[in-house]
Amino acid sequence: MRSSSPRTRPRHAVRREDLTALIREVVGRGGHLEIAAVGLSMAPAIQPGDKLVLGPLHHEEPRPGQIVLVAREGSLLAHRVVEVGARITARGDACDADDPPFTRSEILAVVRSLHTPLLQRARRLLRSARG
């Protein structure tokens, strides 16, 4: 198994700018896109490697509890909305502080569903146990 130094990316990695552009394009056309989670800011609900299915916000307003994806200072953050007003406030479940407020137009996508490898394995085991 090859290890990668901090300066190199695994072969399957996509530059963040390219991923952001792809998300804007697909979700902007009303499509859905699956990406793998990285980081621990949404633990325990979302773990690294979990699959996030992103979709458009459409004409609905974001609501508290909903997980939205925003681009901030070169990073993509999938965090939970905690307050909606003239500006929106979100926070990672494992974070002590809120993210800086943002506007609805800064939302790239909404997390429509979550697929965790552990949950998928548990479902398969339950199905096989039932025969």
N, C-alpha and C. Protein backbone atom coordinates (compact mmCIF):
# COMPACT_ATOMS: atom_id res chain seq x y z
N MET A 1 0.84 -1.18 0.00
CA MET A 1 0.00 0.00 0.00
C MET A 1 0.88 1.24 0.00
N ARG A 2 0.59 2.17 -0.89
CA ARG A 2 1.34 3.41 -0.96
C ARG A 2 0.85 4.40 0.08
N SER A 3 1.78 5.05 0.70
CA SER A 3 1.38 6.14 1.58
C SER A 3 1.60 7.44 0.82
N SER A 4 0.84 8.42 1.18
CA SER A 4 1.02 9.71 0.50
C SER A 4 1.54 10.73 1.48
N SER A 5 2.49 11.50 1.03
CA SER A 5 3.03 12.55 1.89
C SER A 5 2.04 13.70 1.91
N PRO A 6 2.19 14.65 2.82
CA PRO A 6 1.27 15.79 2.87
C PRO A 6 1.25 16.59 1.58
N ARG A 7 2.30 16.48 0.76
CA ARG A 7 2.36 17.26 -0.46
C ARG A 7 1.68 16.57 -1.64
N THR A 8 1.42 15.29 -1.54
CA THR A 8 0.79 14.58 -2.65
C THR A 8 -0.59 14.12 -2.27
N ARG A 9 -1.43 13.96 -3.28
CA ARG A 9 -2.78 13.49 -3.06
C ARG A 9 -2.89 12.07 -3.57
N PRO A 10 -3.78 11.26 -2.99
CA PRO A 10 -4.04 9.96 -3.60
C PRO A 10 -4.53 10.16 -5.02
N ARG A 11 -4.33 9.15 -5.87
CA ARG A 11 -4.68 9.28 -7.28
C ARG A 11 -6.14 9.63 -7.51
N HIS A 12 -7.03 9.19 -6.64
CA HIS A 12 -8.46 9.44 -6.82
C HIS A 12 -8.91 10.80 -6.27
N ALA A 13 -8.01 11.51 -5.64
CA ALA A 13 -8.38 12.79 -5.04
C ALA A 13 -8.65 13.83 -6.12
N VAL A 14 -9.55 14.73 -5.80
CA VAL A 14 -9.93 15.81 -6.70
C VAL A 14 -9.56 17.12 -6.02
N ARG A 15 -9.06 18.06 -6.78
CA ARG A 15 -8.76 19.36 -6.20
C ARG A 15 -10.05 19.98 -5.67
N ARG A 16 -9.96 20.65 -4.54
CA ARG A 16 -11.14 21.23 -3.90
C ARG A 16 -11.87 22.21 -4.82
N GLU A 17 -11.12 22.99 -5.57
CA GLU A 17 -11.76 23.95 -6.49
C GLU A 17 -12.56 23.21 -7.57
N ASP A 18 -12.01 22.09 -8.06
CA ASP A 18 -12.72 21.31 -9.09
C ASP A 18 -13.97 20.67 -8.51
N LEU A 19 -13.86 20.16 -7.27
CA LEU A 19 -15.02 19.55 -6.63
C LEU A 19 -16.11 20.60 -6.39
N THR A 20 -15.73 21.77 -5.95
CA THR A 20 -16.70 22.84 -5.72
C THR A 20 -17.40 23.20 -7.03
N ALA A 21 -16.65 23.31 -8.11
CA ALA A 21 -17.24 23.63 -9.42
C ALA A 21 -18.18 22.52 -9.87
N LEU A 22 -17.80 21.27 -9.66
CA LEU A 22 -18.66 20.14 -10.03
C LEU A 22 -19.95 20.15 -9.23
N ILE A 23 -19.86 20.39 -7.94
CA ILE A 23 -21.06 20.44 -7.10
C ILE A 23 -21.97 21.57 -7.57
N ARG A 24 -21.41 22.74 -7.81
CA ARG A 24 -22.22 23.87 -8.31
C ARG A 24 -22.94 23.50 -9.60
N GLU A 25 -22.23 22.85 -10.51
CA GLU A 25 -22.79 22.49 -11.81
C GLU A 25 -23.91 21.45 -11.67
N VAL A 26 -23.63 20.36 -10.98
CA VAL A 26 -24.61 19.27 -10.87
C VAL A 26 -25.82 19.70 -10.05
N VAL A 27 -25.58 20.24 -8.88
CA VAL A 27 -26.68 20.64 -7.99
C VAL A 27 -27.43 21.84 -8.59
N GLY A 28 -26.70 22.73 -9.24
CA GLY A 28 -27.34 23.88 -9.88
C GLY A 28 -28.33 23.49 -10.96
N ARG A 29 -28.13 22.32 -11.55
CA ARG A 29 -29.04 21.80 -12.58
C ARG A 29 -30.12 20.89 -11.98
N GLY A 30 -30.17 20.83 -10.65
CA GLY A 30 -31.19 20.04 -9.98
C GLY A 30 -30.79 18.60 -9.73
N GLY A 31 -29.53 18.27 -9.98
CA GLY A 31 -29.06 16.89 -9.80
C GLY A 31 -28.57 16.61 -8.40
N HIS A 32 -28.18 15.36 -8.20
CA HIS A 32 -27.64 14.91 -6.93
C HIS A 32 -26.24 14.36 -7.16
N LEU A 33 -25.43 14.42 -6.13
CA LEU A 33 -24.03 14.02 -6.23
C LEU A 33 -23.64 13.39 -4.90
N GLU A 34 -22.88 12.31 -4.95
CA GLU A 34 -22.42 11.65 -3.73
C GLU A 34 -20.94 11.95 -3.54
N ILE A 35 -20.60 12.39 -2.32
CA ILE A 35 -19.20 12.63 -1.99
C ILE A 35 -18.89 11.94 -0.67
N ALA A 36 -17.62 11.66 -0.45
CA ALA A 36 -17.19 11.04 0.81
C ALA A 36 -16.84 12.14 1.81
N ALA A 37 -17.26 11.93 3.03
CA ALA A 37 -16.95 12.88 4.11
C ALA A 37 -15.50 12.72 4.54
N VAL A 38 -14.90 13.83 4.92
CA VAL A 38 -13.57 13.83 5.52
C VAL A 38 -13.66 14.70 6.77
N GLY A 39 -12.82 14.47 7.73
CA GLY A 39 -12.83 15.29 8.93
C GLY A 39 -13.81 14.77 9.97
N LEU A 40 -13.72 15.35 11.15
CA LEU A 40 -14.50 14.89 12.29
C LEU A 40 -15.43 15.95 12.87
N SER A 41 -15.64 17.06 12.17
CA SER A 41 -16.44 18.15 12.73
C SER A 41 -17.91 17.78 12.92
N MET A 42 -18.39 16.74 12.23
CA MET A 42 -19.79 16.33 12.37
C MET A 42 -19.94 15.00 13.13
N ALA A 43 -18.86 14.55 13.77
CA ALA A 43 -18.91 13.31 14.55
C ALA A 43 -19.84 13.52 15.74
N PRO A 44 -20.56 12.53 16.17
CA PRO A 44 -20.54 11.16 15.67
C PRO A 44 -21.50 10.90 14.51
N ALA A 45 -22.31 11.87 14.14
CA ALA A 45 -23.32 11.63 13.10
C ALA A 45 -22.70 11.28 11.76
N ILE A 46 -21.63 11.97 11.40
CA ILE A 46 -20.95 11.73 10.13
C ILE A 46 -19.48 11.46 10.43
N GLN A 47 -19.00 10.33 9.92
CA GLN A 47 -17.62 9.92 10.12
C GLN A 47 -16.87 9.99 8.80
N PRO A 48 -15.54 10.12 8.84
CA PRO A 48 -14.78 10.09 7.59
C PRO A 48 -15.10 8.81 6.80
N GLY A 49 -15.32 8.99 5.52
CA GLY A 49 -15.65 7.86 4.65
C GLY A 49 -17.14 7.68 4.43
N ASP A 50 -17.97 8.27 5.29
CA ASP A 50 -19.42 8.20 5.07
C ASP A 50 -19.74 8.92 3.76
N LYS A 51 -20.76 8.46 3.09
CA LYS A 51 -21.16 9.05 1.81
C LYS A 51 -22.30 10.04 2.03
N LEU A 52 -22.10 11.28 1.57
CA LEU A 52 -23.13 12.31 1.66
C LEU A 52 -23.75 12.47 0.28
N VAL A 53 -25.06 12.35 0.19
CA VAL A 53 -25.75 12.60 -1.07
C VAL A 53 -26.23 14.04 -1.04
N LEU A 54 -25.65 14.83 -1.92
CA LEU A 54 -25.93 16.26 -1.98
C LEU A 54 -27.00 16.54 -3.02
N GLY A 55 -27.90 17.47 -2.70
CA GLY A 55 -28.93 17.87 -3.63
C GLY A 55 -29.21 19.35 -3.51
N PRO A 56 -30.04 19.85 -4.39
CA PRO A 56 -30.34 21.29 -4.38
C PRO A 56 -31.25 21.68 -3.22
N LEU A 57 -31.15 22.93 -2.82
CA LEU A 57 -32.04 23.48 -1.80
C LEU A 57 -33.39 23.84 -2.42
N HIS A 58 -33.41 23.98 -3.75
CA HIS A 58 -34.61 24.41 -4.49
C HIS A 58 -35.08 25.76 -3.95
N HIS A 59 -36.38 25.90 -3.76
CA HIS A 59 -36.91 27.19 -3.30
C HIS A 59 -37.22 27.18 -1.81
N GLU A 60 -36.93 26.07 -1.15
CA GLU A 60 -37.19 25.99 0.28
C GLU A 60 -36.15 26.79 1.06
N GLU A 61 -36.51 27.16 2.23
CA GLU A 61 -35.57 27.85 3.11
C GLU A 61 -34.85 26.80 3.95
N PRO A 62 -33.57 27.01 4.23
CA PRO A 62 -32.89 26.07 5.13
C PRO A 62 -33.55 26.13 6.50
N ARG A 63 -33.52 25.03 7.20
CA ARG A 63 -34.15 24.98 8.52
C ARG A 63 -33.20 24.40 9.55
N PRO A 64 -33.36 24.78 10.80
CA PRO A 64 -32.50 24.23 11.85
C PRO A 64 -32.54 22.70 11.83
N GLY A 65 -31.37 22.13 12.00
CA GLY A 65 -31.23 20.68 11.99
C GLY A 65 -30.79 20.13 10.65
N GLN A 66 -31.03 20.89 9.59
CA GLN A 66 -30.65 20.46 8.24
C GLN A 66 -29.14 20.63 8.06
N ILE A 67 -28.52 19.71 7.33
CA ILE A 67 -27.09 19.81 7.06
C ILE A 67 -26.90 20.40 5.67
N VAL A 68 -26.15 21.50 5.62
CA VAL A 68 -25.91 22.19 4.35
C VAL A 68 -24.42 22.19 4.06
N LEU A 69 -24.10 22.32 2.78
CA LEU A 69 -22.70 22.39 2.35
C LEU A 69 -22.41 23.81 1.89
N VAL A 70 -21.39 24.42 2.49
CA VAL A 70 -20.96 25.76 2.09
C VAL A 70 -19.46 25.74 1.83
N ALA A 71 -19.02 26.62 0.93
CA ALA A 71 -17.60 26.79 0.67
C ALA A 71 -17.11 27.97 1.49
N ARG A 72 -16.11 27.72 2.31
CA ARG A 72 -15.58 28.76 3.18
C ARG A 72 -14.07 28.75 3.18
N GLU A 73 -13.46 29.87 2.82
CA GLU A 73 -12.01 30.04 2.90
C GLU A 73 -11.26 28.83 2.36
N GLY A 74 -11.65 28.36 1.18
CA GLY A 74 -10.97 27.24 0.55
C GLY A 74 -11.38 25.87 1.05
N SER A 75 -12.34 25.81 1.96
CA SER A 75 -12.80 24.53 2.50
C SER A 75 -14.27 24.32 2.17
N LEU A 76 -14.67 23.07 2.09
CA LEU A 76 -16.08 22.72 1.98
C LEU A 76 -16.53 22.23 3.34
N LEU A 77 -17.58 22.84 3.88
CA LEU A 77 -18.08 22.46 5.20
C LEU A 77 -19.50 21.95 5.10
N ALA A 78 -19.73 20.75 5.58
CA ALA A 78 -21.08 20.20 5.70
C ALA A 78 -21.42 20.27 7.18
N HIS A 79 -22.16 21.30 7.56
CA HIS A 79 -22.49 21.53 8.97
C HIS A 79 -23.99 21.71 9.13
N ARG A 80 -24.43 21.51 10.36
CA ARG A 80 -25.86 21.56 10.69
C ARG A 80 -26.31 23.00 10.94
N VAL A 81 -27.42 23.38 10.33
CA VAL A 81 -28.00 24.71 10.53
C VAL A 81 -28.52 24.79 11.96
N VAL A 82 -28.14 25.86 12.65
CA VAL A 82 -28.63 26.07 14.02
C VAL A 82 -29.57 27.25 14.14
N GLU A 83 -29.44 28.22 13.21
CA GLU A 83 -30.32 29.39 13.27
C GLU A 83 -30.49 29.97 11.87
N VAL A 84 -31.74 30.37 11.57
CA VAL A 84 -32.04 30.97 10.28
C VAL A 84 -32.67 32.33 10.51
N GLY A 85 -32.12 33.33 9.89
CA GLY A 85 -32.64 34.69 9.94
C GLY A 85 -32.19 35.39 8.67
N ALA A 86 -31.81 36.65 8.78
CA ALA A 86 -31.27 37.35 7.61
C ALA A 86 -30.00 36.65 7.15
N ARG A 87 -29.26 36.10 8.10
CA ARG A 87 -28.09 35.27 7.81
C ARG A 87 -28.31 33.93 8.50
N ILE A 88 -27.59 32.93 8.04
CA ILE A 88 -27.75 31.56 8.55
C ILE A 88 -26.53 31.21 9.38
N THR A 89 -26.77 30.55 10.49
CA THR A 89 -25.68 30.09 11.34
C THR A 89 -25.70 28.57 11.36
N ALA A 90 -24.52 27.98 11.24
CA ALA A 90 -24.38 26.52 11.27
C ALA A 90 -23.22 26.18 12.20
N ARG A 91 -23.15 24.91 12.55
CA ARG A 91 -22.08 24.44 13.44
C ARG A 91 -21.89 22.95 13.20
N GLY A 92 -20.65 22.51 13.23
CA GLY A 92 -20.38 21.08 13.21
C GLY A 92 -20.82 20.48 14.53
N ASP A 93 -21.39 19.29 14.50
CA ASP A 93 -21.89 18.66 15.72
C ASP A 93 -20.80 18.51 16.79
N ALA A 94 -19.55 18.33 16.37
CA ALA A 94 -18.46 18.14 17.32
C ALA A 94 -17.74 19.45 17.65
N CYS A 95 -18.25 20.55 17.15
CA CYS A 95 -17.59 21.85 17.36
C CYS A 95 -18.22 22.61 18.53
N ASP A 96 -17.40 23.38 19.22
CA ASP A 96 -17.88 24.17 20.35
C ASP A 96 -18.49 25.50 19.92
N ALA A 97 -18.06 26.01 18.77
CA ALA A 97 -18.50 27.34 18.34
C ALA A 97 -19.22 27.27 16.99
N ASP A 98 -20.09 28.25 16.77
CA ASP A 98 -20.78 28.37 15.49
C ASP A 98 -19.79 28.79 14.41
N ASP A 99 -20.12 28.44 13.16
CA ASP A 99 -19.38 28.95 12.01
C ASP A 99 -19.75 30.41 11.81
N PRO A 100 -18.93 31.17 11.10
CA PRO A 100 -19.35 32.54 10.77
C PRO A 100 -20.65 32.49 9.97
N PRO A 101 -21.57 33.42 10.21
CA PRO A 101 -22.86 33.42 9.49
C PRO A 101 -22.66 33.56 7.98
N PHE A 102 -23.61 33.03 7.23
CA PHE A 102 -23.57 33.09 5.77
C PHE A 102 -24.98 33.32 5.24
N THR A 103 -25.07 33.61 3.96
CA THR A 103 -26.38 33.84 3.34
C THR A 103 -26.83 32.58 2.60
N ARG A 104 -28.10 32.54 2.27
CA ARG A 104 -28.67 31.41 1.54
C ARG A 104 -27.92 31.17 0.24
N SER A 105 -27.51 32.25 -0.42
CA SER A 105 -26.83 32.12 -1.72
C SER A 105 -25.47 31.45 -1.60
N GLU A 106 -24.92 31.39 -0.40
CA GLU A 106 -23.63 30.72 -0.19
C GLU A 106 -23.76 29.21 -0.02
N ILE A 107 -24.99 28.71 0.10
CA ILE A 107 -25.20 27.27 0.26
C ILE A 107 -25.02 26.60 -1.10
N LEU A 108 -24.08 25.68 -1.16
CA LEU A 108 -23.84 24.93 -2.40
C LEU A 108 -24.85 23.80 -2.57
N ALA A 109 -25.19 23.16 -1.47
CA ALA A 109 -26.08 22.00 -1.53
C ALA A 109 -26.61 21.68 -0.14
N VAL A 110 -27.58 20.78 -0.13
CA VAL A 110 -28.14 20.25 1.11
C VAL A 110 -27.83 18.76 1.14
N VAL A 111 -27.49 18.25 2.30
CA VAL A 111 -27.28 16.81 2.42
C VAL A 111 -28.66 16.16 2.46
N ARG A 112 -28.98 15.44 1.39
CA ARG A 112 -30.29 14.79 1.25
C ARG A 112 -30.34 13.43 1.92
N SER A 113 -29.20 12.73 1.93
CA SER A 113 -29.14 11.45 2.64
C SER A 113 -27.69 11.13 2.98
N LEU A 114 -27.54 10.20 3.89
CA LEU A 114 -26.24 9.81 4.41
C LEU A 114 -26.14 8.30 4.36
N HIS A 115 -25.03 7.81 3.83
CA HIS A 115 -24.81 6.37 3.77
C HIS A 115 -23.52 6.08 4.53
N THR A 116 -23.65 5.34 5.61
CA THR A 116 -22.47 5.00 6.40
C THR A 116 -22.11 3.56 6.16
N PRO A 117 -20.83 3.26 5.95
CA PRO A 117 -20.43 1.87 5.75
C PRO A 117 -20.87 0.96 6.88
N LEU A 118 -20.79 1.43 8.12
CA LEU A 118 -21.20 0.61 9.25
C LEU A 118 -22.69 0.30 9.20
N LEU A 119 -23.50 1.30 8.88
CA LEU A 119 -24.95 1.10 8.79
C LEU A 119 -25.27 0.14 7.65
N GLN A 120 -24.59 0.27 6.52
CA GLN A 120 -24.83 -0.64 5.40
C GLN A 120 -24.48 -2.07 5.77
N ARG A 121 -23.36 -2.25 6.48
CA ARG A 121 -22.97 -3.60 6.92
C ARG A 121 -24.01 -4.17 7.88
N ALA A 122 -24.50 -3.35 8.80
CA ALA A 122 -25.50 -3.81 9.76
C ALA A 122 -26.78 -4.24 9.04
N ARG A 123 -27.21 -3.47 8.05
CA ARG A 123 -28.42 -3.83 7.29
C ARG A 123 -28.24 -5.16 6.57
N ARG A 124 -27.07 -5.35 5.96
CA ARG A 124 -26.79 -6.63 5.26
C ARG A 124 -26.83 -7.78 6.23
N LEU A 125 -26.24 -7.61 7.40
CA LEU A 125 -26.25 -8.68 8.41
C LEU A 125 -27.67 -9.01 8.85
N LEU A 126 -28.49 -7.98 9.06
CA LEU A 126 -29.88 -8.20 9.46
C LEU A 126 -30.65 -8.95 8.37
N ARG A 127 -30.45 -8.56 7.12
CA ARG A 127 -31.14 -9.24 6.01
C ARG A 127 -30.72 -10.69 5.91
N SER A 128 -29.42 -10.95 6.06
CA SER A 128 -28.92 -12.34 5.95
C SER A 128 -29.40 -13.17 7.14
N ALA A 129 -29.54 -12.54 8.32
CA ALA A 129 -30.02 -13.26 9.49
C ALA A 129 -31.48 -13.66 9.36
N ARG A 130 -32.24 -12.86 8.63
CA ARG A 130 -33.67 -13.16 8.43
C ARG A 130 -33.86 -14.27 7.40
N GLY A 131 -32.83 -14.54 6.63
CA GLY A 131 -32.86 -15.64 5.69
C GLY A 131 -33.37 -15.29 4.39
